[in-house]
């Protein structure tokens, strides 16, 4: 494999790997949001 083919192959594999990792992280974030849903704090009347 010549140097240009190797470079393009490595670039494409690197980009695909990055997209795969970002997709896995987004799934992990969605899972954590389902496990720990956001609950806003109860508003208390202010004194004063």
PDB file of N, CA and C in Angstrom:
ATOM      1  N   UNK A   1       0.861  -1.174   0.000  1.00  0.00           N
ATOM      2  CA  UNK A   1       0.000   0.000   0.000  1.00  0.00           C
ATOM      3  C   UNK A   1       0.908   1.238   0.000  1.00  0.00           C
ATOM      4  N   UNK A   2       0.656   2.137  -0.918  1.00  0.00           N
ATOM      5  CA  UNK A   2       1.499   3.332  -0.962  1.00  0.00           C
ATOM      6  C   UNK A   2       1.094   4.308   0.140  1.00  0.00           C
ATOM      7  N   UNK A   3       1.865   5.344   0.281  1.00  0.00           N
ATOM      8  CA  UNK A   3       1.697   6.269   1.408  1.00  0.00           C
ATOM      9  C   UNK A   3       0.361   7.021   1.344  1.00  0.00           C
ATOM     10  N   UNK A   4      -0.132   7.348   0.129  1.00  0.00           N
ATOM     11  CA  UNK A   4      -1.392   8.062   0.010  1.00  0.00           C
ATOM     12  C   UNK A   4      -2.575   7.169   0.359  1.00  0.00           C
ATOM     13  N   UNK A   5      -2.538   5.928  -0.079  1.00  0.00           N
ATOM     14  CA  UNK A   5      -3.619   4.994   0.263  1.00  0.00           C
ATOM     15  C   UNK A   5      -3.672   4.755   1.762  1.00  0.00           C
ATOM     16  N   UNK A   6      -2.509   4.610   2.362  1.00  0.00           N
ATOM     17  CA  UNK A   6      -2.458   4.411   3.811  1.00  0.00           C
ATOM     18  C   UNK A   6      -3.005   5.635   4.542  1.00  0.00           C
ATOM     19  N   UNK A   7      -2.632   6.812   4.090  1.00  0.00           N
ATOM     20  CA  UNK A   7      -3.096   8.033   4.738  1.00  0.00           C
ATOM     21  C   UNK A   7      -4.598   8.212   4.649  1.00  0.00           C
ATOM     22  N   UNK A   8      -5.170   7.979   3.462  1.00  0.00           N
ATOM     23  CA  UNK A   8      -6.618   8.106   3.298  1.00  0.00           C
ATOM     24  C   UNK A   8      -7.360   7.035   4.090  1.00  0.00           C
ATOM     25  N   UNK A   9      -6.827   5.826   4.092  1.00  0.00           N
ATOM     26  CA  UNK A   9      -7.460   4.748   4.868  1.00  0.00           C
ATOM     27  C   UNK A   9      -7.457   5.082   6.353  1.00  0.00           C
ATOM     28  N   UNK A  10      -6.334   5.548   6.848  1.00  0.00           N
ATOM     29  CA  UNK A  10      -6.238   5.906   8.264  1.00  0.00           C
ATOM     30  C   UNK A  10      -7.171   7.065   8.599  1.00  0.00           C
ATOM     31  N   UNK A  11      -7.296   8.023   7.697  1.00  0.00           N
ATOM     32  CA  UNK A  11      -8.203   9.158   7.927  1.00  0.00           C
ATOM     33  C   UNK A  11      -9.659   8.706   7.988  1.00  0.00           C
ATOM     34  N   UNK A  12     -10.067   7.857   7.066  1.00  0.00           N
ATOM     35  CA  UNK A  12     -11.455   7.385   7.039  1.00  0.00           C
ATOM     36  C   UNK A  12     -11.756   6.535   8.266  1.00  0.00           C
ATOM     37  N   UNK A  13     -10.837   5.662   8.636  1.00  0.00           N
ATOM     38  CA  UNK A  13     -11.047   4.833   9.832  1.00  0.00           C
ATOM     39  C   UNK A  13     -11.086   5.711  11.083  1.00  0.00           C
ATOM     40  N   UNK A  14     -10.253   6.742  11.130  1.00  0.00           N
ATOM     41  CA  UNK A  14     -10.249   7.650  12.276  1.00  0.00           C
ATOM     42  C   UNK A  14     -11.551   8.420  12.391  1.00  0.00           C
ATOM     43  N   UNK A  15     -12.069   8.908  11.263  1.00  0.00           N
ATOM     44  CA  UNK A  15     -13.340   9.644  11.290  1.00  0.00           C
ATOM     45  C   UNK A  15     -14.495   8.722  11.687  1.00  0.00           C
ATOM     46  N   UNK A  16     -14.500   7.514  11.142  1.00  0.00           N
ATOM     47  CA  UNK A  16     -15.566   6.567  11.490  1.00  0.00           C
ATOM     48  C   UNK A  16     -15.486   6.181  12.964  1.00  0.00           C
ATOM     49  N   UNK A  17     -14.290   6.006  13.466  1.00  0.00           N
ATOM     50  CA  UNK A  17     -14.128   5.685  14.886  1.00  0.00           C
ATOM     51  C   UNK A  17     -14.605   6.808  15.784  1.00  0.00           C
ATOM     52  N   UNK A  18     -14.319   8.037  15.374  1.00  0.00           N
ATOM     53  CA  UNK A  18     -14.775   9.191  16.148  1.00  0.00           C
ATOM     54  C   UNK A  18     -16.302   9.264  16.170  1.00  0.00           C
ATOM     55  N   UNK A  19     -16.928   9.063  15.019  1.00  0.00           N
ATOM     56  CA  UNK A  19     -18.397   9.091  14.961  1.00  0.00           C
ATOM     57  C   UNK A  19     -18.999   7.961  15.804  1.00  0.00           C
ATOM     58  N   UNK A  20     -18.378   6.800  15.785  1.00  0.00           N
ATOM     59  CA  UNK A  20     -18.864   5.675  16.579  1.00  0.00           C
ATOM     60  C   UNK A  20     -18.776   5.969  18.072  1.00  0.00           C
ATOM     61  N   UNK A  21     -17.674   6.562  18.504  1.00  0.00           N
ATOM     62  CA  UNK A  21     -17.515   6.897  19.925  1.00  0.00           C
ATOM     63  C   UNK A  21     -18.524   7.976  20.334  1.00  0.00           C
ATOM     64  N   UNK A  22     -18.731   8.980  19.490  1.00  0.00           N
ATOM     65  CA  UNK A  22     -19.720  10.021  19.810  1.00  0.00           C
ATOM     66  C   UNK A  22     -21.130   9.442  19.885  1.00  0.00           C
ATOM     67  N   UNK A  23     -21.453   8.500  19.000  1.00  0.00           N
ATOM     68  CA  UNK A  23     -22.764   7.851  19.030  1.00  0.00           C
ATOM     69  C   UNK A  23     -22.931   7.053  20.318  1.00  0.00           C
ATOM     70  N   UNK A  24     -21.891   6.318  20.730  1.00  0.00           N
ATOM     71  CA  UNK A  24     -21.960   5.555  21.989  1.00  0.00           C
ATOM     72  C   UNK A  24     -22.129   6.488  23.184  1.00  0.00           C
ATOM     73  N   UNK A  25     -21.435   7.622  23.176  1.00  0.00           N
ATOM     74  CA  UNK A  25     -21.581   8.575  24.272  1.00  0.00           C
ATOM     75  C   UNK A  25     -22.985   9.172  24.313  1.00  0.00           C
ATOM     76  N   UNK A  26     -23.574   9.432  23.153  1.00  0.00           N
ATOM     77  CA  UNK A  26     -24.935   9.967  23.154  1.00  0.00           C
ATOM     78  C   UNK A  26     -25.926   8.943  23.684  1.00  0.00           C
ATOM     79  N   UNK A  27     -25.722   7.662  23.360  1.00  0.00           N
ATOM     80  CA  UNK A  27     -26.584   6.618  23.929  1.00  0.00           C
ATOM     81  C   UNK A  27     -26.421   6.529  25.441  1.00  0.00           C
ATOM     82  N   UNK A  28     -25.194   6.659  25.918  1.00  0.00           N
ATOM     83  CA  UNK A  28     -24.946   6.622  27.353  1.00  0.00           C
ATOM     84  C   UNK A  28     -25.623   7.795  28.055  1.00  0.00           C
ATOM     85  N   UNK A  29     -25.562   8.980  27.453  1.00  0.00           N
ATOM     86  CA  UNK A  29     -26.209  10.155  28.044  1.00  0.00           C
ATOM     87  C   UNK A  29     -27.722   9.982  28.070  1.00  0.00           C
ATOM     88  N   UNK A  30     -28.299   9.456  26.992  1.00  0.00           N
ATOM     89  CA  UNK A  30     -29.748   9.215  26.985  1.00  0.00           C
ATOM     90  C   UNK A  30     -30.145   8.197  28.050  1.00  0.00           C
ATOM     91  N   UNK A  31     -29.338   7.168  28.223  1.00  0.00           N
ATOM     92  CA  UNK A  31     -29.620   6.161  29.244  1.00  0.00           C
ATOM     93  C   UNK A  31     -29.549   6.777  30.637  1.00  0.00           C
ATOM     94  N   UNK A  32     -28.538   7.599  30.886  1.00  0.00           N
ATOM     95  CA  UNK A  32     -28.415   8.241  32.194  1.00  0.00           C
ATOM     96  C   UNK A  32     -29.571   9.213  32.449  1.00  0.00           C
ATOM     97  N   UNK A  33     -30.052   9.891  31.394  1.00  0.00           N
ATOM     98  CA  UNK A  33     -31.187  10.793  31.570  1.00  0.00           C
ATOM     99  C   UNK A  33     -32.459  10.024  31.900  1.00  0.00           C
ATOM    100  N   UNK A  34     -32.601   8.800  31.395  1.00  0.00           N
ATOM    101  CA  UNK A  34     -33.768   7.991  31.742  1.00  0.00           C
ATOM    102  C   UNK A  34     -33.658   7.435  33.154  1.00  0.00           C
ATOM    103  N   UNK A  35     -32.447   7.094  33.573  1.00  0.00           N
ATOM    104  CA  UNK A  35     -32.253   6.548  34.921  1.00  0.00           C
ATOM    105  C   UNK A  35     -32.402   7.651  35.972  1.00  0.00           C
ATOM    106  N   UNK A  36     -31.825   8.812  35.700  1.00  0.00           N
ATOM    107  CA  UNK A  36     -31.864   9.938  36.637  1.00  0.00           C
ATOM    108  C   UNK A  36     -32.576  11.121  35.983  1.00  0.00           C
ATOM    109  N   UNK A  37     -33.917  11.124  35.975  1.00  0.00           N
ATOM    110  CA  UNK A  37     -34.635  12.234  35.331  1.00  0.00           C
ATOM    111  C   UNK A  37     -34.447  13.542  36.107  1.00  0.00           C
ATOM    112  N   UNK A  38     -34.554  14.624  35.370  1.00  0.00           N
ATOM    113  CA  UNK A  38     -34.393  15.950  35.980  1.00  0.00           C
ATOM    114  C   UNK A  38     -35.630  16.302  36.783  1.00  0.00           C
ATOM    115  N   UNK A  39     -35.409  16.670  38.036  1.00  0.00           N
ATOM    116  CA  UNK A  39     -36.500  17.106  38.905  1.00  0.00           C
ATOM    117  C   UNK A  39     -36.158  18.499  39.409  1.00  0.00           C
ATOM    118  N   UNK A  40     -36.890  19.507  38.958  1.00  0.00           N
ATOM    119  CA  UNK A  40     -36.581  20.862  39.444  1.00  0.00           C
ATOM    120  C   UNK A  40     -36.900  20.981  40.931  1.00  0.00           C
ATOM    121  N   UNK A  41     -36.142  21.834  41.582  1.00  0.00           N
ATOM    122  CA  UNK A  41     -36.354  22.036  43.022  1.00  0.00           C
ATOM    123  C   UNK A  41     -37.696  22.699  43.253  1.00  0.00           C
ATOM    124  N   UNK A  42     -38.330  22.339  44.356  1.00  0.00           N
ATOM    125  CA  UNK A  42     -39.622  22.957  44.710  1.00  0.00           C
ATOM    126  C   UNK A  42     -39.383  24.404  45.076  1.00  0.00           C
ATOM    127  N   UNK A  43     -40.219  25.266  44.552  1.00  0.00           N
ATOM    128  CA  UNK A  43     -40.054  26.690  44.871  1.00  0.00           C
ATOM    129  C   UNK A  43     -40.647  26.965  46.233  1.00  0.00           C
ATOM    130  N   UNK A  44     -39.874  27.621  47.043  1.00  0.00           N
ATOM    131  CA  UNK A  44     -40.349  27.985  48.386  1.00  0.00           C
ATOM    132  C   UNK A  44     -40.577  29.488  48.418  1.00  0.00           C
ATOM    133  N   UNK A  45     -41.573  29.922  49.141  1.00  0.00           N
ATOM    134  CA  UNK A  45     -41.802  31.371  49.233  1.00  0.00           C
ATOM    135  C   UNK A  45     -40.630  32.030  49.960  1.00  0.00           C
ATOM    136  N   UNK A  46     -40.194  33.166  49.417  1.00  0.00           N
ATOM    137  CA  UNK A  46     -39.061  33.866  50.028  1.00  0.00           C
ATOM    138  C   UNK A  46     -39.544  34.709  51.203  1.00  0.00           C
ATOM    139  N   UNK A  47     -38.755  34.690  52.242  1.00  0.00           N
ATOM    140  CA  UNK A  47     -39.082  35.483  53.433  1.00  0.00           C
ATOM    141  C   UNK A  47     -38.485  36.870  53.275  1.00  0.00           C
ATOM    142  N   UNK A  48     -39.219  37.854  53.726  1.00  0.00           N
ATOM    143  CA  UNK A  48     -38.650  39.189  53.726  1.00  0.00           C
ATOM    144  C   UNK A  48     -39.311  40.087  52.854  1.00  0.00           C
TER     145      UNK A  48
END
